[in-house]
């Protein structure tokens, strides 16, 4: 059952990560348009500027779980790379339980609070000509960290399975 849970979480984050990665192409195109308009025509469109920030935030927040799953987050690997699989599992288990999961739970709660307030007041940009749906950005805080929390749970469960397995490899 733990393996099935891990597989489901991994599949969710993998599909979300691959889908959201296309936003990087859209972001590059959008930023090129913004820069060209600003420097060639001396013209700025507020909603395009805000949209670029939305895209960047979506990439970062919705891609966090996928990035964690693929072990691409910044980490000091001076020691970790040389450790055995079981030792790495201990670090992942302890780090996940003591740091990642509790902080994600706090951020999900705070993000949920901001999301509910933003939706209830139909919050929009304070800029004239800005985007009308600021609540979509605020909901990304809640949802993105929620997907990171799920991946953190999958990481802890994977570490637990490695530590409890009699056949787990003990070398790199």
C-alpha atoms as a PDB file:
ATOM      1  CA  UNK A   1       0.000   0.000   0.000  1.00  0.00           C
ATOM      2  CA  UNK A   2       2.871   2.400   0.751  1.00  0.00           C
ATOM      3  CA  UNK A   3       4.387   1.684  -2.644  1.00  0.00           C
ATOM      4  CA  UNK A   4       1.052   2.412  -4.350  1.00  0.00           C
ATOM      5  CA  UNK A   5       0.729   5.711  -2.432  1.00  0.00           C
ATOM      6  CA  UNK A   6       4.258   6.699  -3.449  1.00  0.00           C
ATOM      7  CA  UNK A   7       3.512   5.787  -7.061  1.00  0.00           C
ATOM      8  CA  UNK A   8       0.305   7.857  -7.120  1.00  0.00           C
ATOM      9  CA  UNK A   9       2.029  10.927  -5.629  1.00  0.00           C
ATOM     10  CA  UNK A  10       4.984  10.550  -8.000  1.00  0.00           C
ATOM     11  CA  UNK A  11       2.634  10.285 -10.983  1.00  0.00           C
ATOM     12  CA  UNK A  12       0.677  13.390  -9.953  1.00  0.00           C
ATOM     13  CA  UNK A  13       3.813  15.499  -9.519  1.00  0.00           C
ATOM     14  CA  UNK A  14       5.435  14.121 -12.651  1.00  0.00           C
ATOM     15  CA  UNK A  15       2.422  14.982 -14.814  1.00  0.00           C
ATOM     16  CA  UNK A  16       2.053  18.398 -13.197  1.00  0.00           C
ATOM     17  CA  UNK A  17       5.776  19.117 -13.555  1.00  0.00           C
ATOM     18  CA  UNK A  18       5.886  18.158 -17.210  1.00  0.00           C
ATOM     19  CA  UNK A  19       2.766  20.159 -17.971  1.00  0.00           C
ATOM     20  CA  UNK A  20       3.853  23.257 -16.066  1.00  0.00           C
ATOM     21  CA  UNK A  21       7.330  23.174 -17.646  1.00  0.00           C
ATOM     22  CA  UNK A  22       5.716  24.423 -20.864  1.00  0.00           C
ATOM     23  CA  UNK A  23       5.123  27.691 -19.072  1.00  0.00           C
ATOM     24  CA  UNK A  24       8.859  28.340 -19.275  1.00  0.00           C
ATOM     25  CA  UNK A  25       8.554  28.620 -23.053  1.00  0.00           C
ATOM     26  CA  UNK A  26       5.545  30.914 -22.705  1.00  0.00           C
ATOM     27  CA  UNK A  27       7.464  32.978 -20.134  1.00  0.00           C
ATOM     28  CA  UNK A  28      10.470  33.399 -22.439  1.00  0.00           C
ATOM     29  CA  UNK A  29       8.241  34.505 -25.316  1.00  0.00           C
ATOM     30  CA  UNK A  30       6.288  36.872 -23.077  1.00  0.00           C
ATOM     31  CA  UNK A  31       9.419  38.453 -21.581  1.00  0.00           C
ATOM     32  CA  UNK A  32      10.903  38.928 -25.057  1.00  0.00           C
ATOM     33  CA  UNK A  33       7.714  40.720 -26.114  1.00  0.00           C
ATOM     34  CA  UNK A  34       7.748  42.898 -23.003  1.00  0.00           C
ATOM     35  CA  UNK A  35      11.395  43.864 -23.500  1.00  0.00           C
ATOM     36  CA  UNK A  36      10.939  44.520 -27.220  1.00  0.00           C
ATOM     37  CA  UNK A  37       7.906  46.710 -26.591  1.00  0.00           C
ATOM     38  CA  UNK A  38       9.625  48.591 -23.800  1.00  0.00           C
ATOM     39  CA  UNK A  39      12.879  49.322 -25.601  1.00  0.00           C
ATOM     40  CA  UNK A  40      11.787  49.493 -29.221  1.00  0.00           C
ATOM     41  CA  UNK A  41       8.440  51.233 -28.809  1.00  0.00           C
ATOM     42  CA  UNK A  42       8.844  52.797 -25.343  1.00  0.00           C
ATOM     43  CA  UNK A  43       5.540  51.159 -24.390  1.00  0.00           C
ATOM     44  CA  UNK A  44       4.542  48.996 -21.413  1.00  0.00           C
ATOM     45  CA  UNK A  45       1.417  46.929 -20.916  1.00  0.00           C
ATOM     46  CA  UNK A  46       0.794  46.330 -17.216  1.00  0.00           C
ATOM     47  CA  UNK A  47      -1.147  43.089 -17.602  1.00  0.00           C
ATOM     48  CA  UNK A  48       1.704  41.542 -19.626  1.00  0.00           C
ATOM     49  CA  UNK A  49       4.182  42.490 -16.913  1.00  0.00           C
ATOM     50  CA  UNK A  50       1.947  40.949 -14.260  1.00  0.00           C
ATOM     51  CA  UNK A  51       1.356  37.860 -16.394  1.00  0.00           C
ATOM     52  CA  UNK A  52       5.118  37.264 -16.544  1.00  0.00           C
ATOM     53  CA  UNK A  53       5.194  37.293 -12.733  1.00  0.00           C
ATOM     54  CA  UNK A  54       2.264  34.864 -12.630  1.00  0.00           C
ATOM     55  CA  UNK A  55       4.041  32.513 -15.023  1.00  0.00           C
ATOM     56  CA  UNK A  56       7.261  32.646 -12.995  1.00  0.00           C
ATOM     57  CA  UNK A  57       5.385  32.003  -9.750  1.00  0.00           C
ATOM     58  CA  UNK A  58       3.453  29.113 -11.309  1.00  0.00           C
ATOM     59  CA  UNK A  59       6.693  27.573 -12.599  1.00  0.00           C
ATOM     60  CA  UNK A  60       8.308  27.842  -9.190  1.00  0.00           C
ATOM     61  CA  UNK A  61       5.352  26.784  -7.048  1.00  0.00           C
ATOM     62  CA  UNK A  62       3.782  24.080  -9.214  1.00  0.00           C
ATOM     63  CA  UNK A  63       7.203  22.754 -10.223  1.00  0.00           C
ATOM     64  CA  UNK A  64       8.499  22.423  -6.647  1.00  0.00           C
ATOM     65  CA  UNK A  65       7.102  18.919  -6.065  1.00  0.00           C
ATOM     66  CA  UNK A  66       8.399  17.681  -9.413  1.00  0.00           C
ATOM     67  CA  UNK A  67      11.814  19.240  -8.785  1.00  0.00           C
ATOM     68  CA  UNK A  68      11.966  17.608  -5.354  1.00  0.00           C
ATOM     69  CA  UNK A  69      10.905  14.262  -6.831  1.00  0.00           C
ATOM     70  CA  UNK A  70      13.732  14.431  -9.378  1.00  0.00           C
ATOM     71  CA  UNK A  71      16.192  15.470  -6.612  1.00  0.00           C
ATOM     72  CA  UNK A  72      17.049  18.718  -8.419  1.00  0.00           C
ATOM     73  CA  UNK A  73      16.733  21.109  -5.487  1.00  0.00           C
ATOM     74  CA  UNK A  74      19.833  22.853  -4.232  1.00  0.00           C
ATOM     75  CA  UNK A  75      21.615  20.715  -1.700  1.00  0.00           C
ATOM     76  CA  UNK A  76      25.103  20.597  -0.280  1.00  0.00           C
ATOM     77  CA  UNK A  77      26.232  17.241  -1.647  1.00  0.00           C
ATOM     78  CA  UNK A  78      29.739  17.240  -0.198  1.00  0.00           C
ATOM     79  CA  UNK A  79      28.910  14.300   2.050  1.00  0.00           C
ATOM     80  CA  UNK A  80      25.518  13.085   0.834  1.00  0.00           C
ATOM     81  CA  UNK A  81      26.767  11.825  -2.555  1.00  0.00           C
ATOM     82  CA  UNK A  82      29.267   9.502  -0.913  1.00  0.00           C
ATOM     83  CA  UNK A  83      26.857   7.973   1.598  1.00  0.00           C
ATOM     84  CA  UNK A  84      25.158   4.594   1.329  1.00  0.00           C
ATOM     85  CA  UNK A  85      21.530   4.311   0.270  1.00  0.00           C
ATOM     86  CA  UNK A  86      20.450   3.527   3.847  1.00  0.00           C
ATOM     87  CA  UNK A  87      22.308   6.519   5.248  1.00  0.00           C
ATOM     88  CA  UNK A  88      20.733   8.763   2.605  1.00  0.00           C
ATOM     89  CA  UNK A  89      17.350   7.278   3.521  1.00  0.00           C
ATOM     90  CA  UNK A  90      17.926   8.208   7.173  1.00  0.00           C
ATOM     91  CA  UNK A  91      18.767  11.794   6.208  1.00  0.00           C
ATOM     92  CA  UNK A  92      15.724  11.992   3.908  1.00  0.00           C
ATOM     93  CA  UNK A  93      13.444  10.514   6.572  1.00  0.00           C
ATOM     94  CA  UNK A  94      14.658  12.780   9.378  1.00  0.00           C
ATOM     95  CA  UNK A  95      14.812  15.884   7.176  1.00  0.00           C
ATOM     96  CA  UNK A  96      11.350  15.222   5.790  1.00  0.00           C
ATOM     97  CA  UNK A  97       9.711  14.562   9.140  1.00  0.00           C
ATOM     98  CA  UNK A  98      11.447  17.366  11.066  1.00  0.00           C
ATOM     99  CA  UNK A  99      11.691  20.093   8.446  1.00  0.00           C
ATOM    100  CA  UNK A 100       9.989  19.645   5.078  1.00  0.00           C
ATOM    101  CA  UNK A 101       6.592  18.284   6.109  1.00  0.00           C
ATOM    102  CA  UNK A 102       6.016  20.622   9.091  1.00  0.00           C
ATOM    103  CA  UNK A 103       6.961  23.714   7.073  1.00  0.00           C
ATOM    104  CA  UNK A 104       4.814  22.619   4.157  1.00  0.00           C
ATOM    105  CA  UNK A 105       1.853  22.097   6.504  1.00  0.00           C
ATOM    106  CA  UNK A 106       2.308  25.624   7.882  1.00  0.00           C
ATOM    107  CA  UNK A 107       2.634  27.124   4.396  1.00  0.00           C
ATOM    108  CA  UNK A 108      -0.415  25.206   3.135  1.00  0.00           C
ATOM    109  CA  UNK A 109      -2.453  26.562   6.048  1.00  0.00           C
ATOM    110  CA  UNK A 110      -1.272  30.139   5.453  1.00  0.00           C
ATOM    111  CA  UNK A 111      -1.731  29.761   1.701  1.00  0.00           C
ATOM    112  CA  UNK A 112      -5.248  28.449   2.213  1.00  0.00           C
ATOM    113  CA  UNK A 113      -6.054  31.476   4.384  1.00  0.00           C
ATOM    114  CA  UNK A 114      -4.777  33.884   1.700  1.00  0.00           C
ATOM    115  CA  UNK A 115      -6.601  31.976  -1.025  1.00  0.00           C
ATOM    116  CA  UNK A 116      -9.960  32.053   0.763  1.00  0.00           C
ATOM    117  CA  UNK A 117      -9.674  35.776   1.493  1.00  0.00           C
ATOM    118  CA  UNK A 118      -8.631  36.552  -2.091  1.00  0.00           C
ATOM    119  CA  UNK A 119     -11.483  34.483  -3.581  1.00  0.00           C
ATOM    120  CA  UNK A 120     -14.067  35.945  -1.189  1.00  0.00           C
ATOM    121  CA  UNK A 121     -13.184  39.505  -2.131  1.00  0.00           C
ATOM    122  CA  UNK A 122     -12.605  38.641  -5.812  1.00  0.00           C
ATOM    123  CA  UNK A 123      -9.183  40.240  -5.436  1.00  0.00           C
ATOM    124  CA  UNK A 124      -7.626  41.760  -8.512  1.00  0.00           C
ATOM    125  CA  UNK A 125      -4.553  43.802  -9.345  1.00  0.00           C
ATOM    126  CA  UNK A 126      -4.198  47.186  -7.710  1.00  0.00           C
ATOM    127  CA  UNK A 127      -2.645  48.508 -10.940  1.00  0.00           C
ATOM    128  CA  UNK A 128      -4.792  50.189 -13.549  1.00  0.00           C
ATOM    129  CA  UNK A 129      -4.808  47.808 -16.502  1.00  0.00           C
ATOM    130  CA  UNK A 130      -3.614  44.924 -14.340  1.00  0.00           C
ATOM    131  CA  UNK A 131      -4.912  41.374 -14.288  1.00  0.00           C
ATOM    132  CA  UNK A 132      -8.356  40.874 -12.765  1.00  0.00           C
ATOM    133  CA  UNK A 133      -7.736  37.564 -10.964  1.00  0.00           C
ATOM    134  CA  UNK A 134      -5.079  37.974  -8.267  1.00  0.00           C
ATOM    135  CA  UNK A 135      -6.775  35.154  -6.385  1.00  0.00           C
ATOM    136  CA  UNK A 136      -5.368  32.726  -8.973  1.00  0.00           C
ATOM    137  CA  UNK A 137      -1.848  33.743  -7.975  1.00  0.00           C
ATOM    138  CA  UNK A 138      -2.615  33.395  -4.289  1.00  0.00           C
ATOM    139  CA  UNK A 139      -4.196  29.988  -4.833  1.00  0.00           C
ATOM    140  CA  UNK A 140      -0.908  28.875  -6.418  1.00  0.00           C
ATOM    141  CA  UNK A 141       0.785  29.344  -3.044  1.00  0.00           C
ATOM    142  CA  UNK A 142      -1.615  26.895  -1.449  1.00  0.00           C
ATOM    143  CA  UNK A 143      -1.689  24.393  -4.313  1.00  0.00           C
ATOM    144  CA  UNK A 144       2.021  24.476  -5.154  1.00  0.00           C
ATOM    145  CA  UNK A 145       3.093  23.891  -1.566  1.00  0.00           C
ATOM    146  CA  UNK A 146       0.402  21.215  -1.237  1.00  0.00           C
ATOM    147  CA  UNK A 147       1.987  19.290  -4.132  1.00  0.00           C
ATOM    148  CA  UNK A 148       5.417  19.750  -2.526  1.00  0.00           C
ATOM    149  CA  UNK A 149       3.947  18.411   0.740  1.00  0.00           C
ATOM    150  CA  UNK A 150       2.624  15.358  -1.097  1.00  0.00           C
ATOM    151  CA  UNK A 151       6.061  14.755  -2.601  1.00  0.00           C
ATOM    152  CA  UNK A 152       7.647  15.189   0.822  1.00  0.00           C
ATOM    153  CA  UNK A 153       5.317  12.502   2.171  1.00  0.00           C
ATOM    154  CA  UNK A 154       6.273  10.223  -0.733  1.00  0.00           C
ATOM    155  CA  UNK A 155       9.963  10.866   0.007  1.00  0.00           C
ATOM    156  CA  UNK A 156       9.529  10.003   3.683  1.00  0.00           C
ATOM    157  CA  UNK A 157       7.575   6.850   2.785  1.00  0.00           C
ATOM    158  CA  UNK A 158      10.278   5.839   0.279  1.00  0.00           C
ATOM    159  CA  UNK A 159      12.978   6.366   2.882  1.00  0.00           C
ATOM    160  CA  UNK A 160      10.968   4.295   5.362  1.00  0.00           C
ATOM    161  CA  UNK A 161      10.636   1.470   2.828  1.00  0.00           C
ATOM    162  CA  UNK A 162      14.385   1.539   2.154  1.00  0.00           C
ATOM    163  CA  UNK A 163      15.173   1.437   5.867  1.00  0.00           C
ATOM    164  CA  UNK A 164      12.774  -1.433   6.568  1.00  0.00           C
ATOM    165  CA  UNK A 165      13.771  -3.482   3.522  1.00  0.00           C
ATOM    166  CA  UNK A 166      16.117  -6.396   4.126  1.00  0.00           C
ATOM    167  CA  UNK A 167      17.129  -6.441   0.472  1.00  0.00           C
ATOM    168  CA  UNK A 168      17.903  -2.718   0.143  1.00  0.00           C
ATOM    169  CA  UNK A 169      21.324  -2.008  -1.262  1.00  0.00           C
ATOM    170  CA  UNK A 170      23.860  -0.593   1.162  1.00  0.00           C
ATOM    171  CA  UNK A 171      26.139   1.003  -1.404  1.00  0.00           C
ATOM    172  CA  UNK A 172      25.791   3.901  -3.833  1.00  0.00           C
END
